Amino acid sequence: MEIHSIHDVAKLLRTAEVAEQFCIETSNVLEACKSGRLTEDEAVLTSVGWLITPDGAARLWPRRPTIESTLRDALVGKSWPMAQLVDAAKADILPLIGTERKRHLVLTIANARKLLVEFKDKTVVFYSDAEDATTFYVAHVAPIEPTSIYVCPRGIADEVYQETYDTPYEAEQRIRSFDDAPGWAKIVTKSEQIPTIGKRV
């Protein structure tokens, strides 16, 4: 494996991060690097220690539950006051994550209904459906995974757009918005191609 830029390093995991994400001992990760169980395309020794590709780690060890499912299971239904949203959310999130994720944790209020929780390896979004502006009520947690859908807003056959949303949850909400309205929306599949007249992002 060759590292050419800081962008290459950002995609790689340190041994402690692999240990945390895959729920194994750091010594097991080091042994896999030194013994060749992780190939030279999957792990490289640098001045700061071993750096490992996420794919290489996933090949050797089964993943534990995702961070978004851990946060969703623990925090959906939780309420935080908007005035102290970042501090209140952080206080509940910190006990649920390991040391490496704590080091990289950044919380950003996108708007009254969205709180971004960023780790080194992924960003998740907390969605609120609070009825008042003073409370953030956690209704859903989803990872940032841009998701495209086909949308025909008026139900006219030749009037189809492609729309892209930050998370599968937001795309699903858009699809559901047509339940009692004219038109339709559906997930884009690789096998099905529908001519569109434009894109909406």
N, C-alpha and C. Protein backbone atom coordinates (compact mmCIF):
# COMPACT_ATOMS: atom_id res chain seq x y z
N MET A 1 0.85 -1.18 0.00
CA MET A 1 0.00 0.00 0.00
C MET A 1 0.89 1.24 0.00
N GLU A 2 0.56 2.19 -0.85
CA GLU A 2 1.32 3.44 -0.91
C GLU A 2 0.42 4.59 -0.46
N ILE A 3 0.99 5.47 0.35
CA ILE A 3 0.25 6.63 0.83
C ILE A 3 0.83 7.87 0.14
N HIS A 4 -0.02 8.58 -0.58
CA HIS A 4 0.45 9.71 -1.37
C HIS A 4 0.01 11.06 -0.81
N SER A 5 -1.01 11.06 0.03
CA SER A 5 -1.51 12.35 0.53
C SER A 5 -2.20 12.17 1.87
N ILE A 6 -2.49 13.29 2.49
CA ILE A 6 -3.21 13.27 3.77
C ILE A 6 -4.61 12.69 3.59
N HIS A 7 -5.16 12.79 2.36
CA HIS A 7 -6.48 12.22 2.09
C HIS A 7 -6.44 10.70 2.17
N ASP A 8 -5.31 10.11 1.74
CA ASP A 8 -5.16 8.66 1.85
C ASP A 8 -5.15 8.24 3.32
N VAL A 9 -4.43 9.00 4.15
CA VAL A 9 -4.33 8.67 5.57
C VAL A 9 -5.70 8.77 6.25
N ALA A 10 -6.51 9.75 5.85
CA ALA A 10 -7.82 9.96 6.48
C ALA A 10 -8.74 8.76 6.30
N LYS A 11 -8.52 7.98 5.26
CA LYS A 11 -9.38 6.82 4.99
C LYS A 11 -8.95 5.59 5.78
N LEU A 12 -7.76 5.63 6.37
CA LEU A 12 -7.21 4.47 7.05
C LEU A 12 -7.50 4.53 8.56
N LEU A 13 -7.40 3.37 9.19
CA LEU A 13 -7.69 3.25 10.62
C LEU A 13 -6.43 2.88 11.38
N ARG A 14 -6.26 3.47 12.56
CA ARG A 14 -5.18 3.05 13.44
C ARG A 14 -5.60 1.78 14.16
N THR A 15 -4.63 1.09 14.75
CA THR A 15 -4.94 -0.20 15.40
C THR A 15 -6.00 -0.05 16.48
N ALA A 16 -5.94 1.05 17.24
CA ALA A 16 -6.93 1.26 18.31
C ALA A 16 -8.33 1.47 17.73
N GLU A 17 -8.41 2.13 16.59
CA GLU A 17 -9.71 2.35 15.95
C GLU A 17 -10.29 1.04 15.43
N VAL A 18 -9.44 0.20 14.85
CA VAL A 18 -9.91 -1.12 14.40
C VAL A 18 -10.40 -1.93 15.60
N ALA A 19 -9.62 -1.90 16.68
CA ALA A 19 -10.01 -2.65 17.88
C ALA A 19 -11.38 -2.21 18.39
N GLU A 20 -11.61 -0.90 18.37
CA GLU A 20 -12.89 -0.38 18.86
C GLU A 20 -14.04 -0.74 17.93
N GLN A 21 -13.85 -0.50 16.62
CA GLN A 21 -14.94 -0.71 15.68
C GLN A 21 -15.31 -2.17 15.53
N PHE A 22 -14.31 -3.08 15.68
CA PHE A 22 -14.58 -4.50 15.48
C PHE A 22 -14.63 -5.27 16.80
N CYS A 23 -14.52 -4.53 17.92
CA CYS A 23 -14.69 -5.12 19.25
C CYS A 23 -13.70 -6.26 19.51
N ILE A 24 -12.41 -5.99 19.27
CA ILE A 24 -11.36 -6.97 19.52
C ILE A 24 -10.23 -6.27 20.27
N GLU A 25 -9.28 -7.05 20.77
CA GLU A 25 -8.15 -6.50 21.50
C GLU A 25 -7.16 -5.86 20.51
N THR A 26 -6.55 -4.75 20.92
CA THR A 26 -5.55 -4.08 20.09
C THR A 26 -4.39 -5.01 19.77
N SER A 27 -4.03 -5.86 20.72
CA SER A 27 -2.92 -6.80 20.50
C SER A 27 -3.23 -7.77 19.36
N ASN A 28 -4.51 -8.13 19.19
CA ASN A 28 -4.89 -9.02 18.08
C ASN A 28 -4.72 -8.31 16.73
N VAL A 29 -5.02 -7.00 16.73
CA VAL A 29 -4.86 -6.23 15.50
C VAL A 29 -3.38 -6.13 15.14
N LEU A 30 -2.54 -5.84 16.14
CA LEU A 30 -1.09 -5.75 15.91
C LEU A 30 -0.53 -7.07 15.41
N GLU A 31 -0.99 -8.17 15.99
CA GLU A 31 -0.52 -9.49 15.56
C GLU A 31 -0.89 -9.77 14.12
N ALA A 32 -2.10 -9.36 13.71
CA ALA A 32 -2.54 -9.57 12.33
C ALA A 32 -1.70 -8.76 11.36
N CYS A 33 -1.30 -7.56 11.77
CA CYS A 33 -0.44 -6.73 10.92
C CYS A 33 0.94 -7.34 10.77
N LYS A 34 1.53 -7.77 11.89
CA LYS A 34 2.91 -8.28 11.88
C LYS A 34 3.02 -9.65 11.23
N SER A 35 2.00 -10.47 11.38
CA SER A 35 2.07 -11.86 10.87
C SER A 35 1.71 -11.97 9.40
N GLY A 36 1.17 -10.89 8.83
CA GLY A 36 0.79 -10.96 7.41
C GLY A 36 -0.65 -11.39 7.18
N ARG A 37 -1.41 -11.60 8.26
CA ARG A 37 -2.84 -11.91 8.07
C ARG A 37 -3.54 -10.75 7.38
N LEU A 38 -3.11 -9.52 7.69
CA LEU A 38 -3.50 -8.35 6.90
C LEU A 38 -2.42 -8.16 5.85
N THR A 39 -2.77 -8.16 4.58
CA THR A 39 -1.78 -8.11 3.51
C THR A 39 -1.14 -6.74 3.42
N GLU A 40 -0.10 -6.62 2.60
CA GLU A 40 0.58 -5.33 2.45
C GLU A 40 -0.30 -4.31 1.74
N ASP A 41 -1.38 -4.76 1.09
CA ASP A 41 -2.36 -3.83 0.52
C ASP A 41 -3.40 -3.40 1.55
N GLU A 42 -3.41 -4.08 2.70
CA GLU A 42 -4.41 -3.79 3.72
C GLU A 42 -3.84 -3.09 4.96
N ALA A 43 -2.54 -3.20 5.17
CA ALA A 43 -1.92 -2.60 6.36
C ALA A 43 -0.51 -2.13 6.02
N VAL A 44 -0.14 -0.97 6.56
CA VAL A 44 1.20 -0.42 6.32
C VAL A 44 1.74 0.14 7.63
N LEU A 45 3.04 -0.10 7.87
CA LEU A 45 3.68 0.42 9.07
C LEU A 45 4.25 1.80 8.77
N THR A 46 3.83 2.80 9.56
CA THR A 46 4.29 4.18 9.38
C THR A 46 4.97 4.66 10.65
N SER A 47 5.43 5.89 10.63
CA SER A 47 6.10 6.46 11.81
C SER A 47 5.14 6.61 13.00
N VAL A 48 3.82 6.59 12.73
CA VAL A 48 2.84 6.71 13.82
C VAL A 48 2.20 5.36 14.16
N GLY A 49 2.72 4.28 13.60
CA GLY A 49 2.18 2.95 13.86
C GLY A 49 1.52 2.37 12.63
N TRP A 50 0.83 1.27 12.82
CA TRP A 50 0.16 0.60 11.71
C TRP A 50 -1.09 1.36 11.30
N LEU A 51 -1.29 1.47 9.98
CA LEU A 51 -2.52 2.01 9.42
C LEU A 51 -3.17 0.93 8.57
N ILE A 52 -4.47 0.77 8.73
CA ILE A 52 -5.18 -0.39 8.17
C ILE A 52 -6.39 0.08 7.37
N THR A 53 -6.64 -0.59 6.25
CA THR A 53 -7.83 -0.24 5.46
C THR A 53 -9.07 -0.82 6.13
N PRO A 54 -10.21 -0.11 6.06
CA PRO A 54 -11.45 -0.67 6.62
C PRO A 54 -11.82 -2.00 5.97
N ASP A 55 -11.58 -2.14 4.66
CA ASP A 55 -11.91 -3.40 3.98
C ASP A 55 -11.05 -4.55 4.49
N GLY A 56 -9.77 -4.28 4.76
CA GLY A 56 -8.90 -5.32 5.28
C GLY A 56 -9.35 -5.79 6.65
N ALA A 57 -9.72 -4.85 7.51
CA ALA A 57 -10.21 -5.22 8.83
C ALA A 57 -11.51 -6.02 8.73
N ALA A 58 -12.40 -5.59 7.83
CA ALA A 58 -13.69 -6.28 7.68
C ALA A 58 -13.51 -7.70 7.15
N ARG A 59 -12.45 -7.93 6.38
CA ARG A 59 -12.19 -9.27 5.86
C ARG A 59 -11.84 -10.23 6.99
N LEU A 60 -11.14 -9.75 8.00
CA LEU A 60 -10.69 -10.63 9.09
C LEU A 60 -11.67 -10.76 10.24
N TRP A 61 -12.38 -9.69 10.54
CA TRP A 61 -13.21 -9.71 11.75
C TRP A 61 -14.65 -9.31 11.43
N PRO A 62 -15.61 -9.99 12.03
CA PRO A 62 -17.01 -9.59 11.83
C PRO A 62 -17.26 -8.26 12.52
N ARG A 63 -18.08 -7.45 11.91
CA ARG A 63 -18.39 -6.15 12.50
C ARG A 63 -19.35 -6.31 13.67
N ARG A 64 -19.18 -5.46 14.65
CA ARG A 64 -20.16 -5.38 15.74
C ARG A 64 -21.31 -4.50 15.26
N PRO A 65 -22.36 -4.33 16.04
CA PRO A 65 -23.46 -3.47 15.60
C PRO A 65 -22.94 -2.08 15.20
N THR A 66 -23.54 -1.50 14.20
CA THR A 66 -23.10 -0.20 13.71
C THR A 66 -23.30 0.87 14.76
N ILE A 67 -22.53 1.94 14.65
CA ILE A 67 -22.66 3.04 15.61
C ILE A 67 -24.04 3.66 15.54
N GLU A 68 -24.61 3.75 14.30
CA GLU A 68 -25.93 4.35 14.21
C GLU A 68 -27.00 3.49 14.86
N SER A 69 -26.86 2.15 14.77
CA SER A 69 -27.85 1.29 15.42
C SER A 69 -27.70 1.34 16.94
N THR A 70 -26.46 1.46 17.42
CA THR A 70 -26.22 1.60 18.85
C THR A 70 -26.86 2.88 19.39
N LEU A 71 -26.64 3.98 18.68
CA LEU A 71 -27.21 5.26 19.10
C LEU A 71 -28.73 5.25 18.97
N ARG A 72 -29.22 4.65 17.90
CA ARG A 72 -30.68 4.60 17.68
C ARG A 72 -31.36 3.82 18.80
N ASP A 73 -30.81 2.65 19.12
CA ASP A 73 -31.41 1.81 20.16
C ASP A 73 -31.44 2.51 21.53
N ALA A 74 -30.39 3.28 21.80
CA ALA A 74 -30.28 3.90 23.12
C ALA A 74 -31.00 5.24 23.23
N LEU A 75 -31.11 5.98 22.13
CA LEU A 75 -31.51 7.37 22.26
C LEU A 75 -32.80 7.78 21.56
N VAL A 76 -33.37 6.93 20.70
CA VAL A 76 -34.66 7.29 20.11
C VAL A 76 -35.69 7.41 21.23
N GLY A 77 -36.42 8.52 21.21
CA GLY A 77 -37.38 8.80 22.27
C GLY A 77 -36.85 9.75 23.33
N LYS A 78 -35.55 10.02 23.27
CA LYS A 78 -34.93 10.94 24.23
C LYS A 78 -35.25 12.38 23.87
N SER A 79 -35.38 13.23 24.87
CA SER A 79 -35.62 14.66 24.65
C SER A 79 -34.48 15.47 25.22
N TRP A 80 -34.06 16.49 24.49
CA TRP A 80 -33.04 17.42 24.95
C TRP A 80 -33.54 18.85 24.77
N PRO A 81 -33.24 19.74 25.70
CA PRO A 81 -33.63 21.14 25.51
C PRO A 81 -32.80 21.78 24.40
N MET A 82 -33.44 22.50 23.48
CA MET A 82 -32.74 23.11 22.36
C MET A 82 -31.64 24.07 22.84
N ALA A 83 -31.87 24.77 23.94
CA ALA A 83 -30.91 25.76 24.42
C ALA A 83 -29.58 25.12 24.84
N GLN A 84 -29.61 23.84 25.25
CA GLN A 84 -28.38 23.12 25.63
C GLN A 84 -28.21 21.85 24.80
N LEU A 85 -28.64 21.89 23.54
CA LEU A 85 -28.70 20.67 22.73
C LEU A 85 -27.36 19.96 22.62
N VAL A 86 -26.31 20.66 22.24
CA VAL A 86 -25.02 20.02 22.03
C VAL A 86 -24.51 19.39 23.32
N ASP A 87 -24.54 20.11 24.41
CA ASP A 87 -24.04 19.59 25.68
C ASP A 87 -24.88 18.42 26.19
N ALA A 88 -26.20 18.55 26.06
CA ALA A 88 -27.09 17.48 26.55
C ALA A 88 -26.93 16.22 25.71
N ALA A 89 -26.85 16.38 24.39
CA ALA A 89 -26.67 15.23 23.51
C ALA A 89 -25.33 14.56 23.76
N LYS A 90 -24.29 15.37 23.91
CA LYS A 90 -22.95 14.82 24.14
C LYS A 90 -22.92 14.01 25.44
N ALA A 91 -23.58 14.50 26.47
CA ALA A 91 -23.60 13.79 27.75
C ALA A 91 -24.22 12.41 27.63
N ASP A 92 -25.22 12.25 26.75
CA ASP A 92 -25.85 10.95 26.55
C ASP A 92 -25.10 10.07 25.55
N ILE A 93 -24.40 10.69 24.60
CA ILE A 93 -23.68 9.93 23.57
C ILE A 93 -22.36 9.37 24.09
N LEU A 94 -21.63 10.14 24.88
CA LEU A 94 -20.29 9.74 25.31
C LEU A 94 -20.23 8.37 25.99
N PRO A 95 -21.19 8.01 26.88
CA PRO A 95 -21.11 6.68 27.50
C PRO A 95 -21.33 5.52 26.52
N LEU A 96 -21.85 5.82 25.32
CA LEU A 96 -22.18 4.77 24.36
C LEU A 96 -21.05 4.47 23.38
N ILE A 97 -20.00 5.29 23.39
CA ILE A 97 -18.94 5.14 22.38
C ILE A 97 -17.60 4.90 23.05
N GLY A 98 -16.67 4.35 22.27
CA GLY A 98 -15.34 4.05 22.79
C GLY A 98 -14.40 5.24 22.73
N THR A 99 -13.20 5.02 23.23
CA THR A 99 -12.21 6.09 23.37
C THR A 99 -11.88 6.76 22.05
N GLU A 100 -11.66 5.97 21.00
CA GLU A 100 -11.25 6.54 19.72
C GLU A 100 -12.34 7.43 19.13
N ARG A 101 -13.57 6.99 19.23
CA ARG A 101 -14.66 7.82 18.71
C ARG A 101 -14.85 9.08 19.56
N LYS A 102 -14.60 8.98 20.85
CA LYS A 102 -14.69 10.18 21.70
C LYS A 102 -13.68 11.23 21.25
N ARG A 103 -12.51 10.80 20.83
CA ARG A 103 -11.46 11.74 20.42
C ARG A 103 -11.86 12.54 19.18
N HIS A 104 -12.69 11.95 18.33
CA HIS A 104 -13.04 12.59 17.06
C HIS A 104 -14.47 13.13 17.04
N LEU A 105 -15.16 13.07 18.16
CA LEU A 105 -16.58 13.45 18.19
C LEU A 105 -16.79 14.95 17.97
N VAL A 106 -17.65 15.28 17.00
CA VAL A 106 -18.03 16.67 16.75
C VAL A 106 -19.55 16.70 16.57
N LEU A 107 -20.23 17.57 17.31
CA LEU A 107 -21.67 17.73 17.18
C LEU A 107 -21.98 19.08 16.55
N THR A 108 -22.85 19.09 15.56
CA THR A 108 -23.21 20.32 14.86
C THR A 108 -24.73 20.38 14.70
N ILE A 109 -25.32 21.50 15.08
CA ILE A 109 -26.76 21.68 14.89
C ILE A 109 -26.99 22.16 13.47
N ALA A 110 -27.60 21.32 12.63
CA ALA A 110 -27.90 21.71 11.25
C ALA A 110 -29.11 22.63 11.21
N ASN A 111 -30.14 22.26 11.96
CA ASN A 111 -31.32 23.10 12.13
C ASN A 111 -32.12 22.55 13.31
N ALA A 112 -33.30 23.08 13.55
CA ALA A 112 -34.07 22.67 14.72
C ALA A 112 -34.48 21.20 14.69
N ARG A 113 -34.39 20.57 13.53
CA ARG A 113 -34.81 19.18 13.40
C ARG A 113 -33.66 18.21 13.08
N LYS A 114 -32.44 18.73 12.92
CA LYS A 114 -31.31 17.87 12.57
C LYS A 114 -30.07 18.20 13.38
N LEU A 115 -29.50 17.18 14.01
CA LEU A 115 -28.25 17.29 14.74
C LEU A 115 -27.25 16.33 14.09
N LEU A 116 -26.12 16.85 13.61
CA LEU A 116 -25.09 16.01 13.00
C LEU A 116 -24.11 15.57 14.06
N VAL A 117 -23.82 14.26 14.10
CA VAL A 117 -22.86 13.70 15.04
C VAL A 117 -21.76 13.06 14.21
N GLU A 118 -20.58 13.68 14.21
CA GLU A 118 -19.50 13.27 13.32
C GLU A 118 -18.40 12.53 14.07
N PHE A 119 -18.03 11.36 13.53
CA PHE A 119 -16.89 10.60 14.00
C PHE A 119 -15.87 10.57 12.87
N LYS A 120 -14.70 10.00 13.11
CA LYS A 120 -13.70 9.94 12.04
C LYS A 120 -14.20 9.08 10.88
N ASP A 121 -14.88 7.98 11.20
CA ASP A 121 -15.23 7.02 10.15
C ASP A 121 -16.62 7.24 9.55
N LYS A 122 -17.48 8.01 10.19
CA LYS A 122 -18.79 8.28 9.60
C LYS A 122 -19.51 9.40 10.35
N THR A 123 -20.54 9.92 9.70
CA THR A 123 -21.39 10.93 10.32
C THR A 123 -22.81 10.39 10.38
N VAL A 124 -23.46 10.58 11.52
CA VAL A 124 -24.86 10.18 11.64
C VAL A 124 -25.69 11.41 11.94
N VAL A 125 -26.97 11.32 11.60
CA VAL A 125 -27.89 12.45 11.79
C VAL A 125 -28.97 12.04 12.78
N PHE A 126 -29.18 12.88 13.78
CA PHE A 126 -30.31 12.72 14.69
C PHE A 126 -31.44 13.62 14.16
N TYR A 127 -32.62 13.03 14.01
CA TYR A 127 -33.79 13.78 13.53
C TYR A 127 -34.76 14.00 14.67
N SER A 128 -35.31 15.19 14.73
CA SER A 128 -36.29 15.53 15.77
C SER A 128 -37.67 15.72 15.16
N ASP A 129 -38.70 15.29 15.89
CA ASP A 129 -40.06 15.62 15.47
C ASP A 129 -40.80 16.29 16.64
N ALA A 130 -40.05 17.10 17.39
CA ALA A 130 -40.64 17.81 18.54
C ALA A 130 -41.75 18.74 18.08
N GLU A 131 -42.77 18.86 18.89
CA GLU A 131 -43.90 19.73 18.55
C GLU A 131 -43.65 21.17 18.95
N ASP A 132 -42.66 21.41 19.80
CA ASP A 132 -42.36 22.79 20.19
C ASP A 132 -40.91 23.12 19.86
N ALA A 133 -40.61 24.40 19.74
CA ALA A 133 -39.29 24.86 19.31
C ALA A 133 -38.24 24.80 20.41
N THR A 134 -38.64 24.49 21.63
CA THR A 134 -37.69 24.50 22.74
C THR A 134 -37.11 23.12 23.04
N THR A 135 -37.61 22.09 22.33
CA THR A 135 -37.20 20.72 22.62
C THR A 135 -36.74 20.02 21.34
N PHE A 136 -35.70 19.21 21.48
CA PHE A 136 -35.25 18.33 20.40
C PHE A 136 -35.62 16.91 20.83
N TYR A 137 -36.62 16.33 20.16
CA TYR A 137 -37.09 14.99 20.51
C TYR A 137 -36.57 14.02 19.44
N VAL A 138 -35.73 13.06 19.84
CA VAL A 138 -35.07 12.16 18.89
C VAL A 138 -36.08 11.17 18.33
N ALA A 139 -36.38 11.31 17.03
CA ALA A 139 -37.33 10.42 16.37
C ALA A 139 -36.63 9.35 15.54
N HIS A 140 -35.41 9.66 15.07
CA HIS A 140 -34.70 8.70 14.23
C HIS A 140 -33.22 9.05 14.20
N VAL A 141 -32.38 8.04 13.93
CA VAL A 141 -30.94 8.22 13.75
C VAL A 141 -30.55 7.50 12.47
N ALA A 142 -29.83 8.19 11.57
CA ALA A 142 -29.45 7.59 10.29
C ALA A 142 -28.05 8.02 9.89
N PRO A 143 -27.32 7.15 9.18
CA PRO A 143 -25.98 7.53 8.72
C PRO A 143 -26.06 8.41 7.48
N ILE A 144 -25.06 9.27 7.28
CA ILE A 144 -24.96 10.02 6.04
C ILE A 144 -24.59 9.03 4.93
N GLU A 145 -25.53 8.77 4.05
CA GLU A 145 -25.34 7.90 2.88
C GLU A 145 -26.19 8.49 1.77
N PRO A 146 -25.61 9.36 0.93
CA PRO A 146 -26.42 9.98 -0.13
C PRO A 146 -27.25 8.95 -0.88
N THR A 147 -28.55 9.22 -0.99
CA THR A 147 -29.50 8.28 -1.58
C THR A 147 -30.32 8.99 -2.64
N SER A 148 -30.34 8.40 -3.85
CA SER A 148 -31.07 9.00 -4.96
C SER A 148 -32.40 8.29 -5.17
N ILE A 149 -33.41 9.06 -5.55
CA ILE A 149 -34.72 8.50 -5.88
C ILE A 149 -35.23 9.14 -7.15
N TYR A 150 -36.16 8.45 -7.82
CA TYR A 150 -36.91 9.02 -8.94
C TYR A 150 -38.16 9.66 -8.37
N VAL A 151 -38.47 10.85 -8.87
CA VAL A 151 -39.66 11.56 -8.39
C VAL A 151 -40.45 12.07 -9.59
N CYS A 152 -41.74 11.76 -9.59
CA CYS A 152 -42.66 12.27 -10.61
C CYS A 152 -43.72 13.06 -9.86
N PRO A 153 -43.46 14.36 -9.59
CA PRO A 153 -44.29 15.10 -8.63
C PRO A 153 -45.75 15.28 -9.02
N ARG A 154 -46.06 15.32 -10.33
CA ARG A 154 -47.46 15.52 -10.74
C ARG A 154 -48.07 14.27 -11.37
N GLY A 155 -47.31 13.20 -11.42
CA GLY A 155 -47.83 11.96 -11.99
C GLY A 155 -47.85 11.95 -13.50
N ILE A 156 -47.21 12.92 -14.14
CA ILE A 156 -47.15 12.98 -15.60
C ILE A 156 -45.97 12.14 -16.06
N ALA A 157 -46.20 11.20 -16.96
CA ALA A 157 -45.21 10.19 -17.33
C ALA A 157 -43.84 10.74 -17.70
N ASP A 158 -43.79 11.83 -18.46
CA ASP A 158 -42.50 12.35 -18.93
C ASP A 158 -41.88 13.38 -17.98
N GLU A 159 -42.50 13.60 -16.84
CA GLU A 159 -42.00 14.61 -15.91
C GLU A 159 -41.39 13.93 -14.68
N VAL A 160 -40.21 13.33 -14.89
CA VAL A 160 -39.53 12.59 -13.83
C VAL A 160 -38.21 13.27 -13.51
N TYR A 161 -37.94 13.46 -12.22
CA TYR A 161 -36.69 14.06 -11.77
C TYR A 161 -35.91 13.04 -10.95
N GLN A 162 -34.62 13.28 -10.83
CA GLN A 162 -33.81 12.51 -9.89
C GLN A 162 -33.47 13.43 -8.73
N GLU A 163 -33.77 13.00 -7.52
CA GLU A 163 -33.48 13.78 -6.33
C GLU A 163 -32.52 13.00 -5.44
N THR A 164 -31.61 13.70 -4.78
CA THR A 164 -30.63 13.06 -3.91
C THR A 164 -30.77 13.62 -2.50
N TYR A 165 -30.79 12.73 -1.53
CA TYR A 165 -30.92 13.10 -0.12
C TYR A 165 -29.72 12.61 0.68
N ASP A 166 -29.44 13.29 1.79
CA ASP A 166 -28.25 12.97 2.59
C ASP A 166 -28.30 11.58 3.21
N THR A 167 -29.50 11.11 3.54
CA THR A 167 -29.62 9.81 4.21
C THR A 167 -30.77 9.01 3.60
N PRO A 168 -30.73 7.69 3.75
CA PRO A 168 -31.86 6.87 3.30
C PRO A 168 -33.16 7.26 3.99
N TYR A 169 -33.08 7.71 5.23
CA TYR A 169 -34.27 8.12 5.98
C TYR A 169 -34.96 9.30 5.30
N GLU A 170 -34.18 10.30 4.90
CA GLU A 170 -34.78 11.46 4.23
C GLU A 170 -35.39 11.07 2.88
N ALA A 171 -34.72 10.17 2.16
CA ALA A 171 -35.28 9.70 0.89
C ALA A 171 -36.59 8.97 1.12
N GLU A 172 -36.64 8.15 2.17
CA GLU A 172 -37.87 7.41 2.49
C GLU A 172 -38.99 8.36 2.89
N GLN A 173 -38.67 9.42 3.62
CA GLN A 173 -39.68 10.41 3.98
C GLN A 173 -40.26 11.08 2.74
N ARG A 174 -39.41 11.37 1.77
CA ARG A 174 -39.87 11.97 0.51
C ARG A 174 -40.79 11.00 -0.23
N ILE A 175 -40.43 9.74 -0.26
CA ILE A 175 -41.27 8.74 -0.92
C ILE A 175 -42.63 8.66 -0.24
N ARG A 176 -42.63 8.66 1.08
CA ARG A 176 -43.90 8.57 1.83
C ARG A 176 -44.76 9.80 1.67
N SER A 177 -44.16 10.93 1.31
CA SER A 177 -44.94 12.16 1.16
C SER A 177 -45.96 12.06 0.02
N PHE A 178 -45.82 11.06 -0.84
CA PHE A 178 -46.74 10.89 -1.96
C PHE A 178 -47.88 9.93 -1.65
N ASP A 179 -47.94 9.42 -0.42
CA ASP A 179 -48.99 8.45 -0.08
C ASP A 179 -50.39 8.98 -0.35
N ASP A 180 -50.64 10.24 -0.03
CA ASP A 180 -51.97 10.82 -0.23
C ASP A 180 -51.91 12.03 -1.15
N ALA A 181 -50.97 11.99 -2.11
CA ALA A 181 -50.80 13.13 -3.01
C ALA A 181 -50.62 12.63 -4.44
N PRO A 182 -50.83 13.50 -5.42
CA PRO A 182 -50.58 13.09 -6.81
C PRO A 182 -49.10 12.77 -7.00
N GLY A 183 -48.80 12.00 -8.02
CA GLY A 183 -47.41 11.69 -8.34
C GLY A 183 -46.88 10.50 -7.57
N TRP A 184 -45.57 10.26 -7.71
CA TRP A 184 -44.95 9.11 -7.05
C TRP A 184 -43.45 9.35 -6.90
N ALA A 185 -42.83 8.54 -6.06
CA ALA A 185 -41.37 8.57 -5.88
C ALA A 185 -40.92 7.17 -5.52
N LYS A 186 -39.72 6.80 -5.96
CA LYS A 186 -39.19 5.48 -5.61
C LYS A 186 -37.67 5.48 -5.67
N ILE A 187 -37.08 4.48 -5.02
CA ILE A 187 -35.62 4.34 -4.96
C ILE A 187 -35.08 4.04 -6.35
N VAL A 188 -33.92 4.62 -6.65
CA VAL A 188 -33.23 4.33 -7.91
C VAL A 188 -32.53 2.98 -7.78
N THR A 189 -32.71 2.13 -8.75
CA THR A 189 -31.99 0.85 -8.78
C THR A 189 -31.07 0.82 -9.98
N LYS A 190 -29.99 0.03 -9.88
CA LYS A 190 -29.04 -0.04 -10.98
C LYS A 190 -29.65 -0.69 -12.22
N SER A 191 -30.53 -1.65 -12.00
CA SER A 191 -31.10 -2.39 -13.13
C SER A 191 -32.20 -1.60 -13.85
N GLU A 192 -32.82 -0.68 -13.15
CA GLU A 192 -33.95 0.06 -13.74
C GLU A 192 -33.53 1.50 -14.01
N GLN A 193 -33.58 1.88 -15.27
CA GLN A 193 -33.23 3.24 -15.64
C GLN A 193 -34.46 3.93 -16.23
N ILE A 194 -34.80 5.06 -15.66
CA ILE A 194 -35.96 5.82 -16.11
C ILE A 194 -35.46 7.16 -16.65
N PRO A 195 -35.86 7.56 -17.86
CA PRO A 195 -35.43 8.88 -18.37
C PRO A 195 -35.92 9.99 -17.46
N THR A 196 -35.04 10.95 -17.16
CA THR A 196 -35.41 12.08 -16.31
C THR A 196 -35.25 13.38 -17.09
N ILE A 197 -35.91 14.42 -16.62
CA ILE A 197 -35.78 15.73 -17.28
C ILE A 197 -34.91 16.67 -16.45
N GLY A 198 -34.36 16.19 -15.36
CA GLY A 198 -33.49 17.03 -14.55
C GLY A 198 -33.18 16.41 -13.21
N LYS A 199 -32.32 17.07 -12.45
CA LYS A 199 -31.94 16.62 -11.12
C LYS A 199 -32.26 17.70 -10.11
N ARG A 200 -32.72 17.25 -8.95
CA ARG A 200 -32.93 18.14 -7.83
C ARG A 200 -32.14 17.60 -6.66
N VAL A 201 -31.29 18.43 -6.08
CA VAL A 201 -30.46 17.98 -4.97
C VAL A 201 -30.88 18.69 -3.70
